[in-house]
Amino acid sequence: MLTQSGSFAAMILEEIANEEARVARVVSYGNKVDVDEKDCLEFLAGDEATKAVAIYIESVGNGRSFLAVCSSGRILM
């Protein structure tokens, strides 16, 4: 799970726990000072435990690079 909101991540994790679902990684990248959604997706695409990504994004800084990572075929979105 990839989210820009820490409170959203906490809420979703609580719901996931109630459903006894499995989550490999939760990344909350906040205000994008050091990393952005593209950086996080590139990391998750190379992670063996990650098979699909659920994303909550408030904004995308560089749409072209974001779409390039999404369409790379390395991860199911």
C-alpha atoms as a PDB file:
ATOM      1  CA  MET A   1       0.000   0.000   0.000  1.00  0.00           C
ATOM      2  CA  LEU A   2       1.315   3.406  -0.986  1.00  0.00           C
ATOM      3  CA  THR A   3      -0.207   6.535   0.529  1.00  0.00           C
ATOM      4  CA  GLN A   4       0.563  10.202   0.916  1.00  0.00           C
ATOM      5  CA  SER A   5      -1.457  10.289   4.136  1.00  0.00           C
ATOM      6  CA  GLY A   6      -0.310   8.652   7.363  1.00  0.00           C
ATOM      7  CA  SER A   7      -3.783   8.786   8.890  1.00  0.00           C
ATOM      8  CA  PHE A   8      -5.235   7.088   5.803  1.00  0.00           C
ATOM      9  CA  ALA A   9      -2.591   4.340   6.106  1.00  0.00           C
ATOM     10  CA  ALA A  10      -3.492   3.776   9.762  1.00  0.00           C
ATOM     11  CA  MET A  11      -7.211   3.571   8.977  1.00  0.00           C
ATOM     12  CA  ILE A  12      -6.711   1.125   6.104  1.00  0.00           C
ATOM     13  CA  LEU A  13      -4.344  -1.058   8.145  1.00  0.00           C
ATOM     14  CA  GLU A  14      -6.985  -1.334  10.847  1.00  0.00           C
ATOM     15  CA  GLU A  15      -9.578  -2.432   8.273  1.00  0.00           C
ATOM     16  CA  ILE A  16      -7.153  -4.896   6.694  1.00  0.00           C
ATOM     17  CA  ALA A  17      -6.431  -6.405  10.105  1.00  0.00           C
ATOM     18  CA  ASN A  18     -10.165  -6.847  10.689  1.00  0.00           C
ATOM     19  CA  GLU A  19     -10.410  -8.774   7.405  1.00  0.00           C
ATOM     20  CA  GLU A  20      -7.287 -10.837   8.170  1.00  0.00           C
ATOM     21  CA  ALA A  21      -5.787  -9.833   4.813  1.00  0.00           C
ATOM     22  CA  ARG A  22      -2.042  -9.791   4.196  1.00  0.00           C
ATOM     23  CA  VAL A  23       0.002  -6.723   3.320  1.00  0.00           C
ATOM     24  CA  ALA A  24       3.684  -6.908   2.388  1.00  0.00           C
ATOM     25  CA  ARG A  25       4.527  -3.202   2.677  1.00  0.00           C
ATOM     26  CA  VAL A  26       2.901   0.046   3.733  1.00  0.00           C
ATOM     27  CA  VAL A  27       4.626   3.227   2.594  1.00  0.00           C
ATOM     28  CA  SER A  28       3.444   6.647   3.721  1.00  0.00           C
ATOM     29  CA  TYR A  29       5.610   9.219   1.970  1.00  0.00           C
ATOM     30  CA  GLY A  30       4.001  12.374   3.356  1.00  0.00           C
ATOM     31  CA  ASN A  31       4.947  15.736   1.868  1.00  0.00           C
ATOM     32  CA  LYS A  32       7.435  14.353  -0.703  1.00  0.00           C
ATOM     33  CA  VAL A  33      10.491  16.143   0.702  1.00  0.00           C
ATOM     34  CA  ASP A  34      12.880  13.230   0.032  1.00  0.00           C
ATOM     35  CA  VAL A  35      10.892  10.772  -2.103  1.00  0.00           C
ATOM     36  CA  ASP A  36       7.757  10.896  -4.213  1.00  0.00           C
ATOM     37  CA  GLU A  37       5.211   8.383  -5.509  1.00  0.00           C
ATOM     38  CA  LYS A  38       7.407   7.429  -8.488  1.00  0.00           C
ATOM     39  CA  ASP A  39      10.337   6.597  -6.194  1.00  0.00           C
ATOM     40  CA  CYS A  40       8.103   4.474  -3.981  1.00  0.00           C
ATOM     41  CA  LEU A  41       6.600   2.616  -6.946  1.00  0.00           C
ATOM     42  CA  GLU A  42      10.053   1.884  -8.358  1.00  0.00           C
ATOM     43  CA  PHE A  43      11.063   0.401  -5.001  1.00  0.00           C
ATOM     44  CA  LEU A  44       7.894  -1.685  -4.729  1.00  0.00           C
ATOM     45  CA  ALA A  45       8.277  -2.915  -8.315  1.00  0.00           C
ATOM     46  CA  GLY A  46      11.610  -4.462  -7.357  1.00  0.00           C
ATOM     47  CA  ASP A  47      10.314  -5.972  -4.106  1.00  0.00           C
ATOM     48  CA  GLU A  48       9.639  -9.723  -4.372  1.00  0.00           C
ATOM     49  CA  ALA A  49       6.987  -9.627  -1.649  1.00  0.00           C
ATOM     50  CA  THR A  50       4.924  -6.988  -3.488  1.00  0.00           C
ATOM     51  CA  LYS A  51       2.500  -8.329  -6.088  1.00  0.00           C
ATOM     52  CA  ALA A  52       0.034  -5.417  -6.372  1.00  0.00           C
ATOM     53  CA  VAL A  53      -0.119  -1.852  -5.081  1.00  0.00           C
ATOM     54  CA  ALA A  54      -3.082   0.086  -3.733  1.00  0.00           C
ATOM     55  CA  ILE A  55      -2.426   3.827  -3.910  1.00  0.00           C
ATOM     56  CA  TYR A  56      -3.930   6.891  -2.262  1.00  0.00           C
ATOM     57  CA  ILE A  57      -2.395   9.978  -3.900  1.00  0.00           C
ATOM     58  CA  GLU A  58      -3.343  13.592  -3.274  1.00  0.00           C
ATOM     59  CA  SER A  59      -1.243  14.903  -6.168  1.00  0.00           C
ATOM     60  CA  VAL A  60       1.373  13.759  -8.694  1.00  0.00           C
ATOM     61  CA  GLY A  61       4.373  16.006  -9.277  1.00  0.00           C
ATOM     62  CA  ASN A  62       5.726  14.535 -12.507  1.00  0.00           C
ATOM     63  CA  GLY A  63       2.890  12.811 -14.325  1.00  0.00           C
ATOM     64  CA  ARG A  64       4.995  11.479 -17.209  1.00  0.00           C
ATOM     65  CA  SER A  65       7.510   9.673 -14.991  1.00  0.00           C
ATOM     66  CA  PHE A  66       4.709   8.375 -12.765  1.00  0.00           C
ATOM     67  CA  LEU A  67       2.851   6.922 -15.751  1.00  0.00           C
ATOM     68  CA  ALA A  68       6.084   5.431 -17.111  1.00  0.00           C
ATOM     69  CA  VAL A  69       6.604   3.496 -13.872  1.00  0.00           C
ATOM     70  CA  CYS A  70       2.935   2.445 -13.795  1.00  0.00           C
ATOM     71  CA  SER A  71       3.036   1.147 -17.347  1.00  0.00           C
ATOM     72  CA  SER A  72       6.363  -0.650 -17.016  1.00  0.00           C
ATOM     73  CA  GLY A  73       4.534  -3.941 -16.431  1.00  0.00           C
ATOM     74  CA  ARG A  74       6.566  -4.724 -13.313  1.00  0.00           C
ATOM     75  CA  ILE A  75       3.665  -4.286 -10.933  1.00  0.00           C
ATOM     76  CA  LEU A  76      -0.121  -4.741 -11.035  1.00  0.00           C
ATOM     77  CA  MET A  77      -1.949  -1.515 -10.275  1.00  0.00           C
END
